[in-house]
Amino acid sequence: MNLKEKILLEHTKTNREEIVNWIGSNQTRFDELVKLFLGNDKLITQRSGWPLSFAGIAHPEFIPKHLGKLVTNLKQKDLHDAVKEIPSGFYKKFPFQRNTKVM
């Protein structure tokens, strides 16, 4: 799947579910989604947040690797509110330890 094209195709529940199912239990695919989420294209960032949230909830073990980048991303100016909610939602949902290694 070309993840970027799939994200741009449409912003629907069906599309979100297809992306989350494609990611499945594959850390590399989750990493690819995080990379798009943290990219410079605002539309891709906004649209990738929804599947990122669901994929992260399905596989919380994928999240710690990206916590540092997700938190640092919050410092960007003019960040869409929905984009801000993803990392804070992960923190609320999962009890990450203070000593969780972030990259």
C-alpha atoms as a PDB file:
ATOM      1  CA  MET A   1       0.000   0.000   0.000  1.00  0.00           C
ATOM      2  CA  ASN A   2       1.191   3.487  -0.770  1.00  0.00           C
ATOM      3  CA  LEU A   3       0.282   4.955   2.605  1.00  0.00           C
ATOM      4  CA  LYS A   4       0.591   8.589   1.582  1.00  0.00           C
ATOM      5  CA  GLU A   5      -1.735   8.095  -1.388  1.00  0.00           C
ATOM      6  CA  LYS A   6      -4.183   6.133   0.754  1.00  0.00           C
ATOM      7  CA  ILE A   7      -4.310   8.938   3.334  1.00  0.00           C
ATOM      8  CA  LEU A   8      -4.930  11.525   0.634  1.00  0.00           C
ATOM      9  CA  LEU A   9      -7.573   9.401  -1.081  1.00  0.00           C
ATOM     10  CA  GLU A  10     -10.331  10.188   1.406  1.00  0.00           C
ATOM     11  CA  HIS A  11     -10.925  10.940   5.061  1.00  0.00           C
ATOM     12  CA  THR A  12     -13.492   8.286   5.935  1.00  0.00           C
ATOM     13  CA  LYS A  13     -14.009   5.652   8.591  1.00  0.00           C
ATOM     14  CA  THR A  14     -13.586   2.930   5.975  1.00  0.00           C
ATOM     15  CA  ASN A  15     -10.255   4.353   4.846  1.00  0.00           C
ATOM     16  CA  ARG A  16      -9.089   4.699   8.462  1.00  0.00           C
ATOM     17  CA  GLU A  17      -9.984   1.071   9.153  1.00  0.00           C
ATOM     18  CA  GLU A  18      -8.173  -0.122   6.021  1.00  0.00           C
ATOM     19  CA  ILE A  19      -5.025   1.744   7.056  1.00  0.00           C
ATOM     20  CA  VAL A  20      -5.169   0.431  10.627  1.00  0.00           C
ATOM     21  CA  ASN A  21      -5.738  -3.122   9.353  1.00  0.00           C
ATOM     22  CA  TRP A  22      -2.826  -2.762   6.929  1.00  0.00           C
ATOM     23  CA  ILE A  23      -0.555  -1.642   9.769  1.00  0.00           C
ATOM     24  CA  GLY A  24      -1.727  -4.546  11.905  1.00  0.00           C
ATOM     25  CA  SER A  25       1.062  -5.663  14.207  1.00  0.00           C
ATOM     26  CA  ASN A  26       3.810  -4.319  11.952  1.00  0.00           C
ATOM     27  CA  GLN A  27       6.045  -1.789  13.722  1.00  0.00           C
ATOM     28  CA  THR A  28       7.649  -0.685  10.443  1.00  0.00           C
ATOM     29  CA  ARG A  29       4.289   0.257   8.964  1.00  0.00           C
ATOM     30  CA  PHE A  30       3.365   2.121  12.143  1.00  0.00           C
ATOM     31  CA  ASP A  31       6.701   3.966  11.910  1.00  0.00           C
ATOM     32  CA  GLU A  32       5.827   4.973   8.350  1.00  0.00           C
ATOM     33  CA  LEU A  33       2.516   6.410   9.542  1.00  0.00           C
ATOM     34  CA  VAL A  34       4.246   8.354  12.322  1.00  0.00           C
ATOM     35  CA  LYS A  35       6.697   9.766   9.777  1.00  0.00           C
ATOM     36  CA  LEU A  36       3.807  11.046   7.659  1.00  0.00           C
ATOM     37  CA  PHE A  37       2.077  12.430  10.755  1.00  0.00           C
ATOM     38  CA  LEU A  38       5.205  14.373  11.708  1.00  0.00           C
ATOM     39  CA  GLY A  39       5.837  15.626   8.169  1.00  0.00           C
ATOM     40  CA  ASN A  40       5.417  19.114   6.770  1.00  0.00           C
ATOM     41  CA  ASP A  41       2.230  18.551   4.765  1.00  0.00           C
ATOM     42  CA  LYS A  42      -0.634  19.811   6.926  1.00  0.00           C
ATOM     43  CA  LEU A  43      -3.320  17.813   5.151  1.00  0.00           C
ATOM     44  CA  ILE A  44      -1.386  14.551   5.453  1.00  0.00           C
ATOM     45  CA  THR A  45      -0.608  15.315   9.092  1.00  0.00           C
ATOM     46  CA  GLN A  46      -4.259  15.951   9.903  1.00  0.00           C
ATOM     47  CA  ARG A  47      -5.563  12.931   8.038  1.00  0.00           C
ATOM     48  CA  SER A  48      -2.906  10.546   9.343  1.00  0.00           C
ATOM     49  CA  GLY A  49      -3.757  11.391  12.950  1.00  0.00           C
ATOM     50  CA  TRP A  50      -6.983   9.410  12.964  1.00  0.00           C
ATOM     51  CA  PRO A  51      -5.474   6.075  11.871  1.00  0.00           C
ATOM     52  CA  LEU A  52      -2.402   6.785  14.024  1.00  0.00           C
ATOM     53  CA  SER A  53      -4.597   7.093  17.078  1.00  0.00           C
ATOM     54  CA  PHE A  54      -6.423   3.830  16.377  1.00  0.00           C
ATOM     55  CA  ALA A  55      -3.257   1.938  15.455  1.00  0.00           C
ATOM     56  CA  GLY A  56      -1.558   3.202  18.614  1.00  0.00           C
ATOM     57  CA  ILE A  57      -4.477   2.095  20.771  1.00  0.00           C
ATOM     58  CA  ALA A  58      -4.423  -1.324  19.109  1.00  0.00           C
ATOM     59  CA  HIS A  59      -0.657  -1.647  19.635  1.00  0.00           C
ATOM     60  CA  PRO A  60       0.538   0.590  22.486  1.00  0.00           C
ATOM     61  CA  GLU A  61       3.914  -1.135  22.356  1.00  0.00           C
ATOM     62  CA  PHE A  62       4.585   0.814  19.129  1.00  0.00           C
ATOM     63  CA  ILE A  63       4.225   4.210  20.818  1.00  0.00           C
ATOM     64  CA  PRO A  64       7.205   4.620  23.203  1.00  0.00           C
ATOM     65  CA  LYS A  65       9.676   4.635  20.310  1.00  0.00           C
ATOM     66  CA  HIS A  66       7.996   7.817  19.039  1.00  0.00           C
ATOM     67  CA  LEU A  67       6.999   9.666  22.221  1.00  0.00           C
ATOM     68  CA  GLY A  68       9.874  12.127  22.124  1.00  0.00           C
ATOM     69  CA  LYS A  69       9.193  13.107  18.517  1.00  0.00           C
ATOM     70  CA  LEU A  70       5.455  13.362  19.118  1.00  0.00           C
ATOM     71  CA  VAL A  71       5.935  15.629  22.133  1.00  0.00           C
ATOM     72  CA  THR A  72       8.536  17.773  20.376  1.00  0.00           C
ATOM     73  CA  ASN A  73       6.111  18.171  17.490  1.00  0.00           C
ATOM     74  CA  LEU A  74       3.666  19.882  19.856  1.00  0.00           C
ATOM     75  CA  LYS A  75       5.983  22.915  19.909  1.00  0.00           C
ATOM     76  CA  GLN A  76       5.252  23.749  16.274  1.00  0.00           C
ATOM     77  CA  LYS A  77       3.341  26.945  15.628  1.00  0.00           C
ATOM     78  CA  ASP A  78      -0.107  26.815  14.024  1.00  0.00           C
ATOM     79  CA  LEU A  79      -0.544  23.135  14.807  1.00  0.00           C
ATOM     80  CA  HIS A  80      -4.086  21.890  14.219  1.00  0.00           C
ATOM     81  CA  ASP A  81      -5.915  20.996  17.448  1.00  0.00           C
ATOM     82  CA  ALA A  82      -6.555  17.447  16.264  1.00  0.00           C
ATOM     83  CA  VAL A  83      -2.816  16.963  15.751  1.00  0.00           C
ATOM     84  CA  LYS A  84      -2.160  18.087  19.329  1.00  0.00           C
ATOM     85  CA  GLU A  85      -4.647  15.584  20.694  1.00  0.00           C
ATOM     86  CA  ILE A  86      -2.852  12.470  19.430  1.00  0.00           C
ATOM     87  CA  PRO A  87       0.193  12.492  21.756  1.00  0.00           C
ATOM     88  CA  SER A  88      -1.798  13.797  24.702  1.00  0.00           C
ATOM     89  CA  GLY A  89      -4.394  11.099  24.060  1.00  0.00           C
ATOM     90  CA  PHE A  90      -1.690   8.429  24.191  1.00  0.00           C
ATOM     91  CA  TYR A  91      -0.468   9.784  27.522  1.00  0.00           C
ATOM     92  CA  LYS A  92      -3.998   9.770  28.939  1.00  0.00           C
ATOM     93  CA  LYS A  93      -4.814   6.298  27.632  1.00  0.00           C
ATOM     94  CA  PHE A  94      -1.623   4.473  28.581  1.00  0.00           C
ATOM     95  CA  PRO A  95       0.394   4.606  31.794  1.00  0.00           C
ATOM     96  CA  PHE A  96       3.829   5.144  30.268  1.00  0.00           C
ATOM     97  CA  GLN A  97       6.539   5.016  32.864  1.00  0.00           C
ATOM     98  CA  ARG A  98       8.592   8.127  33.494  1.00  0.00           C
ATOM     99  CA  ASN A  99      11.681   6.141  32.549  1.00  0.00           C
ATOM    100  CA  THR A 100      10.220   5.099  29.204  1.00  0.00           C
ATOM    101  CA  LYS A 101      12.995   5.532  26.674  1.00  0.00           C
ATOM    102  CA  VAL A 102      12.001   8.061  24.053  1.00  0.00           C
ATOM    103  CA  MET A 103      13.832   8.716  20.818  1.00  0.00           C
END
